[in-house]
Amino acid sequence: ATGKIREQRAIITAGPYGGVVLQTDEGYEALHCTGLPERMQYEVTNARNNAITVDLGQNGLWGDVRITEQSMEGKRVSADRVEWSVPVSANGKAVVTATFDSRF
């Protein structure tokens, strides 16, 4: 882990036994393997002419993973899942960030 911040499009996949795989143009990366906090950023867009609320969820957070920071309050619905209700303005976008710490 370098601590360097970079932005890119990605597909996030969580398996049934914990862990998260991040797929980018550069390849695949397994998350929650470094023992260091990992910051995720989710961008939600709305092409409609009216405001909406999007249900956003992140799986793969086994019981010892803590959310140490988040830009809006999420709800831990199970040992491995957190959910956010994200309001998105008409023709707009919203960004949700969360830092996950698996050192516990």
N, C-alpha and C. Protein backbone atom coordinates (compact mmCIF):
# COMPACT_ATOMS: atom_id res chain seq x y z
N ALA A 1 0.85 -1.18 0.00
CA ALA A 1 0.00 0.00 0.00
C ALA A 1 0.88 1.23 0.00
N THR A 2 0.58 2.12 -0.92
CA THR A 2 1.40 3.33 -1.06
C THR A 2 0.77 4.55 -0.41
N GLY A 3 -0.54 4.51 -0.18
CA GLY A 3 -1.24 5.67 0.33
C GLY A 3 -1.58 6.66 -0.76
N LYS A 4 -1.19 6.37 -1.99
CA LYS A 4 -1.46 7.25 -3.12
C LYS A 4 -2.93 7.16 -3.51
N ILE A 5 -3.57 8.29 -3.78
CA ILE A 5 -4.96 8.34 -4.19
C ILE A 5 -5.02 8.40 -5.70
N ARG A 6 -5.86 7.55 -6.30
CA ARG A 6 -6.06 7.59 -7.74
C ARG A 6 -7.52 7.29 -8.03
N GLU A 7 -8.01 7.82 -9.13
CA GLU A 7 -9.41 7.62 -9.52
C GLU A 7 -9.46 6.83 -10.81
N GLN A 8 -10.39 5.85 -10.86
CA GLN A 8 -10.62 5.07 -12.07
C GLN A 8 -11.92 4.31 -11.93
N ARG A 9 -12.48 3.92 -13.04
CA ARG A 9 -13.71 3.13 -13.02
C ARG A 9 -13.35 1.70 -12.63
N ALA A 10 -14.27 1.06 -11.89
CA ALA A 10 -14.00 -0.29 -11.42
C ALA A 10 -15.29 -1.06 -11.23
N ILE A 11 -15.17 -2.38 -11.26
CA ILE A 11 -16.26 -3.29 -10.91
C ILE A 11 -15.86 -3.94 -9.60
N ILE A 12 -16.75 -3.86 -8.60
CA ILE A 12 -16.47 -4.42 -7.29
C ILE A 12 -17.28 -5.69 -7.12
N THR A 13 -16.62 -6.79 -6.78
CA THR A 13 -17.28 -8.08 -6.59
C THR A 13 -16.93 -8.61 -5.21
N ALA A 14 -17.94 -9.07 -4.49
CA ALA A 14 -17.72 -9.66 -3.16
C ALA A 14 -18.16 -11.12 -3.21
N GLY A 15 -17.36 -11.98 -2.61
CA GLY A 15 -17.68 -13.39 -2.57
C GLY A 15 -18.45 -13.76 -1.32
N PRO A 16 -18.96 -14.99 -1.27
CA PRO A 16 -19.76 -15.41 -0.12
C PRO A 16 -18.96 -15.63 1.15
N TYR A 17 -17.64 -15.69 1.07
CA TYR A 17 -16.81 -15.96 2.23
C TYR A 17 -15.96 -14.77 2.65
N GLY A 18 -16.37 -13.58 2.26
CA GLY A 18 -15.61 -12.38 2.61
C GLY A 18 -14.60 -12.05 1.54
N GLY A 19 -14.01 -10.91 1.67
CA GLY A 19 -13.05 -10.44 0.69
C GLY A 19 -13.75 -9.74 -0.46
N VAL A 20 -13.05 -8.86 -1.10
CA VAL A 20 -13.59 -8.09 -2.21
C VAL A 20 -12.56 -8.08 -3.32
N VAL A 21 -13.03 -8.25 -4.57
CA VAL A 21 -12.14 -8.18 -5.73
C VAL A 21 -12.51 -6.93 -6.51
N LEU A 22 -11.52 -6.12 -6.82
CA LEU A 22 -11.68 -4.89 -7.57
C LEU A 22 -11.12 -5.11 -8.96
N GLN A 23 -11.97 -4.97 -9.99
CA GLN A 23 -11.54 -5.14 -11.38
C GLN A 23 -11.45 -3.78 -12.04
N THR A 24 -10.26 -3.44 -12.57
CA THR A 24 -10.05 -2.19 -13.28
C THR A 24 -9.42 -2.51 -14.64
N ASP A 25 -9.16 -1.47 -15.42
CA ASP A 25 -8.49 -1.68 -16.70
C ASP A 25 -7.08 -2.26 -16.52
N GLU A 26 -6.52 -2.06 -15.31
CA GLU A 26 -5.17 -2.55 -15.03
C GLU A 26 -5.15 -4.00 -14.59
N GLY A 27 -6.31 -4.57 -14.27
CA GLY A 27 -6.38 -5.96 -13.82
C GLY A 27 -7.26 -6.11 -12.60
N TYR A 28 -6.95 -7.10 -11.77
CA TYR A 28 -7.73 -7.43 -10.60
C TYR A 28 -6.90 -7.20 -9.33
N GLU A 29 -7.58 -6.79 -8.26
CA GLU A 29 -6.91 -6.60 -6.98
C GLU A 29 -7.81 -7.10 -5.86
N ALA A 30 -7.26 -7.90 -4.97
CA ALA A 30 -8.01 -8.36 -3.81
C ALA A 30 -7.87 -7.34 -2.70
N LEU A 31 -9.01 -6.93 -2.14
CA LEU A 31 -9.00 -5.96 -1.05
C LEU A 31 -9.08 -6.68 0.28
N HIS A 32 -8.83 -5.98 1.34
CA HIS A 32 -8.82 -6.50 2.71
C HIS A 32 -7.71 -7.52 2.91
N CYS A 33 -6.64 -7.38 2.16
CA CYS A 33 -5.52 -8.29 2.30
C CYS A 33 -4.29 -7.60 2.88
N THR A 34 -4.31 -6.28 2.97
CA THR A 34 -3.11 -5.56 3.38
C THR A 34 -3.03 -5.38 4.89
N GLY A 35 -4.17 -5.45 5.57
CA GLY A 35 -4.18 -5.15 6.98
C GLY A 35 -4.19 -3.66 7.26
N LEU A 36 -4.23 -2.85 6.21
CA LEU A 36 -4.28 -1.40 6.34
C LEU A 36 -5.68 -0.90 6.01
N PRO A 37 -6.08 0.26 6.52
CA PRO A 37 -7.38 0.81 6.16
C PRO A 37 -7.47 1.04 4.65
N GLU A 38 -8.65 0.77 4.09
CA GLU A 38 -8.87 0.94 2.66
C GLU A 38 -10.04 1.88 2.45
N ARG A 39 -9.82 2.93 1.65
CA ARG A 39 -10.86 3.93 1.40
C ARG A 39 -11.49 3.66 0.05
N MET A 40 -12.82 3.54 0.06
CA MET A 40 -13.57 3.30 -1.17
C MET A 40 -14.39 4.54 -1.46
N GLN A 41 -14.58 4.81 -2.75
CA GLN A 41 -15.43 5.92 -3.17
C GLN A 41 -16.40 5.38 -4.21
N TYR A 42 -17.68 5.63 -3.98
CA TYR A 42 -18.74 5.19 -4.87
C TYR A 42 -19.40 6.42 -5.48
N GLU A 43 -19.53 6.47 -6.79
CA GLU A 43 -20.19 7.58 -7.46
C GLU A 43 -21.48 7.07 -8.08
N VAL A 44 -22.58 7.73 -7.74
CA VAL A 44 -23.90 7.35 -8.23
C VAL A 44 -24.42 8.50 -9.09
N THR A 45 -24.86 8.20 -10.32
CA THR A 45 -25.36 9.24 -11.21
C THR A 45 -26.85 9.04 -11.48
N ASN A 46 -27.51 10.13 -11.83
CA ASN A 46 -28.94 10.12 -12.11
C ASN A 46 -29.18 10.89 -13.41
N ALA A 47 -29.68 10.20 -14.43
CA ALA A 47 -29.96 10.84 -15.72
C ALA A 47 -31.41 11.31 -15.82
N ARG A 48 -32.18 11.11 -14.78
CA ARG A 48 -33.59 11.52 -14.80
C ARG A 48 -33.74 13.00 -14.50
N ASN A 49 -34.92 13.54 -14.83
CA ASN A 49 -35.21 14.95 -14.58
C ASN A 49 -35.79 15.19 -13.19
N ASN A 50 -35.82 14.17 -12.37
CA ASN A 50 -36.30 14.31 -10.99
C ASN A 50 -35.31 13.65 -10.04
N ALA A 51 -35.31 14.12 -8.81
CA ALA A 51 -34.41 13.56 -7.79
C ALA A 51 -34.84 12.13 -7.45
N ILE A 52 -33.86 11.31 -7.10
CA ILE A 52 -34.13 9.92 -6.73
C ILE A 52 -33.30 9.56 -5.49
N THR A 53 -33.62 8.42 -4.90
CA THR A 53 -32.80 7.84 -3.84
C THR A 53 -32.34 6.47 -4.31
N VAL A 54 -31.04 6.23 -4.25
CA VAL A 54 -30.45 4.97 -4.70
C VAL A 54 -30.02 4.17 -3.48
N ASP A 55 -30.38 2.90 -3.45
CA ASP A 55 -29.92 2.00 -2.40
C ASP A 55 -28.58 1.43 -2.84
N LEU A 56 -27.54 1.75 -2.08
CA LEU A 56 -26.17 1.33 -2.38
C LEU A 56 -25.73 0.36 -1.30
N GLY A 57 -25.16 -0.77 -1.68
CA GLY A 57 -24.70 -1.75 -0.71
C GLY A 57 -23.30 -2.25 -1.02
N GLN A 58 -22.56 -2.60 0.02
CA GLN A 58 -21.23 -3.18 -0.10
C GLN A 58 -21.20 -4.48 0.69
N ASN A 59 -20.98 -5.58 -0.02
CA ASN A 59 -20.83 -6.90 0.61
C ASN A 59 -19.36 -7.20 0.85
N GLY A 60 -19.09 -8.32 1.49
CA GLY A 60 -17.72 -8.79 1.65
C GLY A 60 -17.03 -8.24 2.87
N LEU A 61 -17.78 -7.68 3.80
CA LEU A 61 -17.19 -7.11 5.01
C LEU A 61 -17.42 -8.09 6.16
N TRP A 62 -16.55 -9.06 6.31
CA TRP A 62 -16.74 -10.02 7.38
C TRP A 62 -16.73 -9.30 8.72
N GLY A 63 -17.13 -10.00 9.76
CA GLY A 63 -17.41 -9.40 11.06
C GLY A 63 -16.34 -8.54 11.68
N ASP A 64 -15.07 -8.76 11.37
CA ASP A 64 -14.02 -7.98 12.02
C ASP A 64 -13.68 -6.69 11.26
N VAL A 65 -14.33 -6.42 10.15
CA VAL A 65 -14.07 -5.19 9.39
C VAL A 65 -14.91 -4.07 9.98
N ARG A 66 -14.25 -2.98 10.33
CA ARG A 66 -14.95 -1.81 10.88
C ARG A 66 -14.95 -0.68 9.87
N ILE A 67 -16.01 0.09 9.88
CA ILE A 67 -16.08 1.29 9.06
C ILE A 67 -15.63 2.43 9.95
N THR A 68 -14.46 2.98 9.66
CA THR A 68 -13.89 4.01 10.53
C THR A 68 -14.28 5.41 10.11
N GLU A 69 -14.62 5.61 8.85
CA GLU A 69 -15.07 6.91 8.35
C GLU A 69 -16.05 6.66 7.21
N GLN A 70 -17.05 7.54 7.11
CA GLN A 70 -17.95 7.49 5.96
C GLN A 70 -18.56 8.87 5.75
N SER A 71 -18.79 9.22 4.50
CA SER A 71 -19.28 10.56 4.18
C SER A 71 -20.76 10.74 4.50
N MET A 72 -21.50 9.64 4.58
CA MET A 72 -22.88 9.67 5.04
C MET A 72 -23.12 8.40 5.84
N GLU A 73 -24.01 8.47 6.78
CA GLU A 73 -24.24 7.34 7.69
C GLU A 73 -24.84 6.16 6.94
N GLY A 74 -24.17 5.03 7.04
CA GLY A 74 -24.67 3.79 6.47
C GLY A 74 -25.20 2.90 7.58
N LYS A 75 -25.88 1.83 7.19
CA LYS A 75 -26.43 0.90 8.16
C LYS A 75 -25.79 -0.47 7.94
N ARG A 76 -25.16 -0.99 8.97
CA ARG A 76 -24.56 -2.33 8.91
C ARG A 76 -25.69 -3.33 9.08
N VAL A 77 -26.16 -3.92 7.99
CA VAL A 77 -27.33 -4.79 8.02
C VAL A 77 -26.98 -6.24 8.35
N SER A 78 -25.71 -6.59 8.24
CA SER A 78 -25.24 -7.92 8.63
C SER A 78 -23.74 -7.83 8.88
N ALA A 79 -23.15 -8.94 9.28
CA ALA A 79 -21.71 -8.96 9.56
C ALA A 79 -20.89 -8.62 8.34
N ASP A 80 -21.42 -8.89 7.14
CA ASP A 80 -20.62 -8.66 5.93
C ASP A 80 -21.22 -7.65 4.96
N ARG A 81 -22.21 -6.86 5.40
CA ARG A 81 -22.84 -5.91 4.46
C ARG A 81 -23.20 -4.59 5.15
N VAL A 82 -22.94 -3.49 4.42
CA VAL A 82 -23.38 -2.16 4.83
C VAL A 82 -24.21 -1.59 3.69
N GLU A 83 -25.23 -0.79 4.04
CA GLU A 83 -26.08 -0.19 3.03
C GLU A 83 -26.24 1.31 3.30
N TRP A 84 -26.33 2.07 2.22
CA TRP A 84 -26.58 3.51 2.28
C TRP A 84 -27.80 3.83 1.42
N SER A 85 -28.61 4.78 1.84
CA SER A 85 -29.68 5.34 1.01
C SER A 85 -29.16 6.69 0.53
N VAL A 86 -28.86 6.77 -0.76
CA VAL A 86 -28.15 7.92 -1.31
C VAL A 86 -29.10 8.81 -2.12
N PRO A 87 -29.37 10.03 -1.66
CA PRO A 87 -30.18 10.94 -2.46
C PRO A 87 -29.33 11.51 -3.61
N VAL A 88 -29.92 11.50 -4.82
CA VAL A 88 -29.21 12.02 -5.99
C VAL A 88 -30.13 13.02 -6.68
N SER A 89 -29.64 14.22 -6.88
CA SER A 89 -30.45 15.27 -7.50
C SER A 89 -30.74 14.97 -8.96
N ALA A 90 -31.73 15.66 -9.51
CA ALA A 90 -32.08 15.50 -10.92
C ALA A 90 -30.87 15.80 -11.79
N ASN A 91 -30.59 14.91 -12.74
CA ASN A 91 -29.44 15.05 -13.65
C ASN A 91 -28.13 15.29 -12.90
N GLY A 92 -28.02 14.72 -11.73
CA GLY A 92 -26.85 14.97 -10.90
C GLY A 92 -26.10 13.71 -10.53
N LYS A 93 -25.21 13.87 -9.58
CA LYS A 93 -24.46 12.74 -9.07
C LYS A 93 -24.23 12.93 -7.58
N ALA A 94 -23.96 11.84 -6.91
CA ALA A 94 -23.63 11.85 -5.49
C ALA A 94 -22.43 10.95 -5.28
N VAL A 95 -21.61 11.31 -4.31
CA VAL A 95 -20.42 10.52 -4.00
C VAL A 95 -20.49 10.08 -2.55
N VAL A 96 -20.27 8.81 -2.32
CA VAL A 96 -20.21 8.25 -0.97
C VAL A 96 -18.81 7.68 -0.78
N THR A 97 -18.17 8.04 0.33
CA THR A 97 -16.85 7.47 0.64
C THR A 97 -16.94 6.72 1.96
N ALA A 98 -16.14 5.69 2.07
CA ALA A 98 -16.08 4.92 3.31
C ALA A 98 -14.67 4.33 3.45
N THR A 99 -14.20 4.31 4.68
CA THR A 99 -12.90 3.69 4.98
C THR A 99 -13.15 2.45 5.80
N PHE A 100 -12.64 1.33 5.33
CA PHE A 100 -12.80 0.04 5.98
C PHE A 100 -11.47 -0.38 6.59
N ASP A 101 -11.52 -0.81 7.83
CA ASP A 101 -10.30 -1.24 8.54
C ASP A 101 -10.49 -2.69 8.97
N SER A 102 -9.63 -3.57 8.46
CA SER A 102 -9.74 -5.00 8.76
C SER A 102 -8.70 -5.48 9.75
N ARG A 103 -8.09 -4.56 10.48
CA ARG A 103 -7.04 -4.96 11.45
C ARG A 103 -7.59 -5.50 12.75
N PHE A 104 -8.88 -5.52 12.92
CA PHE A 104 -9.47 -5.91 14.19
C PHE A 104 -9.74 -7.38 14.26
